[in-house]
């Protein structure tokens, strides 16, 4: 094998590994039950954040309310935060059943993945996110709710 072929082979191996790593990080972004506003190498929002953003921009508050019953705990957690904002701003009137779901979410041990950049991935419960508990000393679990509130209050206005 000549020197050119060896260099080309090394380059292709590095390229393939880089692509695999990039897709590996990005696959975390679209995992179920994940919340993050700037995750992975590209600093992308997770699927749950993208969905809530889209529903708020289109003012589809009823779909957000239906997400309170979602099997995806990331979407459910964000919908709790947004429904509280919407009710506070008198844009929706939640039903007693919806208020009960929200109350139960504040006590839920369902696990949510939190991501921030390409260096932080952690698991915490929905109650830790909603009650703003710092479970790991990094501060990400207790800041997710505030980040969500800031983001969604701006989108609602």
Protein backbone atom coordinates (compact mmCIF):
# COMPACT_ATOMS: atom_id res chain seq x y z
CA UNK A 1 0.00 0.00 0.00
CA UNK A 2 1.46 3.36 -0.91
CA UNK A 3 1.66 6.40 1.32
CA UNK A 4 -1.32 8.13 -0.38
CA UNK A 5 -3.62 5.13 0.20
CA UNK A 6 -2.53 4.88 3.85
CA UNK A 7 -3.27 8.56 4.45
CA UNK A 8 -6.63 8.25 2.67
CA UNK A 9 -7.54 5.20 4.76
CA UNK A 10 -6.65 6.98 8.03
CA UNK A 11 -8.65 10.02 6.92
CA UNK A 12 -11.71 7.88 6.10
CA UNK A 13 -11.50 6.07 9.43
CA UNK A 14 -11.34 9.39 11.30
CA UNK A 15 -14.23 10.76 9.23
CA UNK A 16 -16.40 7.71 9.91
CA UNK A 17 -15.61 7.81 13.64
CA UNK A 18 -16.40 11.52 13.78
CA UNK A 19 -19.74 10.98 12.07
CA UNK A 20 -20.58 8.12 14.42
CA UNK A 21 -19.74 10.25 17.45
CA UNK A 22 -21.77 13.18 16.13
CA UNK A 23 -24.82 10.99 15.49
CA UNK A 24 -24.34 9.32 18.85
CA UNK A 25 -24.51 12.66 20.67
CA UNK A 26 -27.46 13.82 18.60
CA UNK A 27 -29.39 10.59 19.15
CA UNK A 28 -29.49 11.55 22.84
CA UNK A 29 -31.35 14.73 21.87
CA UNK A 30 -34.28 12.78 20.44
CA UNK A 31 -34.53 10.21 23.22
CA UNK A 32 -37.83 9.88 25.02
CA UNK A 33 -38.18 11.61 28.40
CA UNK A 34 -35.38 14.11 27.85
CA UNK A 35 -35.31 17.86 28.49
CA UNK A 36 -32.58 20.15 27.33
CA UNK A 37 -32.40 23.53 25.66
CA UNK A 38 -28.89 23.20 24.24
CA UNK A 39 -27.82 19.56 24.13
CA UNK A 40 -25.17 17.61 22.37
CA UNK A 41 -22.25 18.82 20.34
CA UNK A 42 -24.47 21.15 18.28
CA UNK A 43 -26.26 22.66 21.29
CA UNK A 44 -29.68 21.61 20.00
CA UNK A 45 -32.96 21.55 21.91
CA UNK A 46 -34.48 18.15 22.64
CA UNK A 47 -37.56 16.81 20.86
CA UNK A 48 -39.79 17.74 23.81
CA UNK A 49 -38.55 21.35 23.78
CA UNK A 50 -38.98 21.61 19.99
CA UNK A 51 -42.55 20.30 20.24
CA UNK A 52 -43.58 22.71 23.02
CA UNK A 53 -41.94 25.61 21.16
CA UNK A 54 -43.92 24.75 18.04
CA UNK A 55 -47.23 24.40 19.88
CA UNK A 56 -46.75 27.72 21.65
CA UNK A 57 -45.83 29.52 18.44
CA UNK A 58 -49.02 28.19 16.83
CA UNK A 59 -50.98 28.93 20.03
CA UNK A 60 -52.20 25.34 20.16
CA UNK A 61 -52.79 25.38 23.90
CA UNK A 62 -55.17 22.38 23.77
CA UNK A 63 -52.42 20.09 22.46
CA UNK A 64 -50.16 21.29 25.25
CA UNK A 65 -52.90 20.45 27.74
CA UNK A 66 -53.24 16.97 26.21
CA UNK A 67 -49.50 16.44 26.76
CA UNK A 68 -50.26 16.36 30.49
CA UNK A 69 -51.27 12.74 29.76
CA UNK A 70 -48.20 11.98 27.65
CA UNK A 71 -46.22 8.77 28.11
CA UNK A 72 -43.10 10.84 27.43
CA UNK A 73 -42.16 12.27 30.82
CA UNK A 74 -40.06 15.08 29.28
CA UNK A 75 -43.07 16.34 27.31
CA UNK A 76 -45.34 15.87 30.31
CA UNK A 77 -43.00 17.82 32.59
CA UNK A 78 -42.72 20.73 30.15
CA UNK A 79 -46.47 20.75 29.60
CA UNK A 80 -46.97 21.08 33.38
CA UNK A 81 -44.72 24.15 33.42
CA UNK A 82 -46.42 25.68 30.37
CA UNK A 83 -49.96 24.95 31.58
CA UNK A 84 -49.19 26.72 34.86
CA UNK A 85 -47.95 29.76 32.92
CA UNK A 86 -50.97 29.73 30.60
CA UNK A 87 -53.38 29.56 33.52
CA UNK A 88 -51.54 32.29 35.41
CA UNK A 89 -51.79 34.53 32.34
CA UNK A 90 -55.48 33.60 32.05
CA UNK A 91 -55.02 32.14 28.58
CA UNK A 92 -56.54 28.80 29.63
CA UNK A 93 -58.69 27.55 32.46
CA UNK A 94 -57.48 24.16 33.57
CA UNK A 95 -59.96 21.48 34.57
CA UNK A 96 -59.90 19.86 37.99
CA UNK A 97 -58.56 16.70 36.35
CA UNK A 98 -55.71 18.69 34.77
CA UNK A 99 -54.91 20.33 38.10
CA UNK A 100 -54.82 16.89 39.71
CA UNK A 101 -52.41 15.63 37.03
CA UNK A 102 -50.18 18.65 37.67
CA UNK A 103 -50.31 18.09 41.44
CA UNK A 104 -49.33 14.44 40.94
CA UNK A 105 -46.48 15.45 38.62
CA UNK A 106 -44.96 17.47 41.48
CA UNK A 107 -44.77 14.21 43.44
CA UNK A 108 -43.76 11.94 40.54
CA UNK A 109 -40.63 9.81 40.68
CA UNK A 110 -40.69 9.26 36.91
CA UNK A 111 -37.18 9.71 35.55
CA UNK A 112 -36.26 12.52 33.18
CA UNK A 113 -32.94 12.87 31.39
CA UNK A 114 -31.47 16.35 31.61
CA UNK A 115 -28.84 17.44 29.12
CA UNK A 116 -26.73 20.54 28.77
CA UNK A 117 -24.14 20.85 26.06
CA UNK A 118 -22.15 17.73 25.24
CA UNK A 119 -20.76 17.29 28.73
CA UNK A 120 -23.75 16.97 31.07
CA UNK A 121 -26.33 14.21 30.99
CA UNK A 122 -28.10 13.35 34.20
CA UNK A 123 -31.20 11.60 35.45
CA UNK A 124 -33.57 13.10 37.95
CA UNK A 125 -37.21 12.69 38.87
CA UNK A 126 -40.01 14.86 37.57
CA UNK A 127 -40.61 16.07 41.13
CA UNK A 128 -36.98 17.22 41.35
CA UNK A 129 -37.35 19.28 38.16
CA UNK A 130 -40.73 20.76 39.10
CA UNK A 131 -39.76 21.47 42.71
CA UNK A 132 -36.38 22.84 41.55
CA UNK A 133 -34.32 20.46 43.69
CA UNK A 134 -30.58 20.38 43.06
CA UNK A 135 -29.98 16.65 43.25
CA UNK A 136 -26.43 16.43 41.98
CA UNK A 137 -24.74 19.63 43.06
CA UNK A 138 -24.33 20.76 39.44
CA UNK A 139 -27.45 22.91 39.53
CA UNK A 140 -28.90 21.65 36.25
CA UNK A 141 -31.87 19.81 37.76
CA UNK A 142 -33.01 22.85 39.70
CA UNK A 143 -32.51 25.31 36.84
CA UNK A 144 -34.44 23.43 34.14
CA UNK A 145 -37.79 24.73 35.38
CA UNK A 146 -36.57 28.32 35.46
CA UNK A 147 -35.03 27.99 31.99
CA UNK A 148 -38.33 26.59 30.72
CA UNK A 149 -40.36 29.34 32.37
CA UNK A 150 -38.14 32.07 30.92
CA UNK A 151 -38.25 30.53 27.43
CA UNK A 152 -41.99 29.88 27.39
CA UNK A 153 -43.06 33.16 28.96
CA UNK A 154 -41.25 34.92 26.10
CA UNK A 155 -42.89 32.68 23.49
CA UNK A 156 -46.34 33.24 25.00
CA UNK A 157 -45.94 37.04 24.90
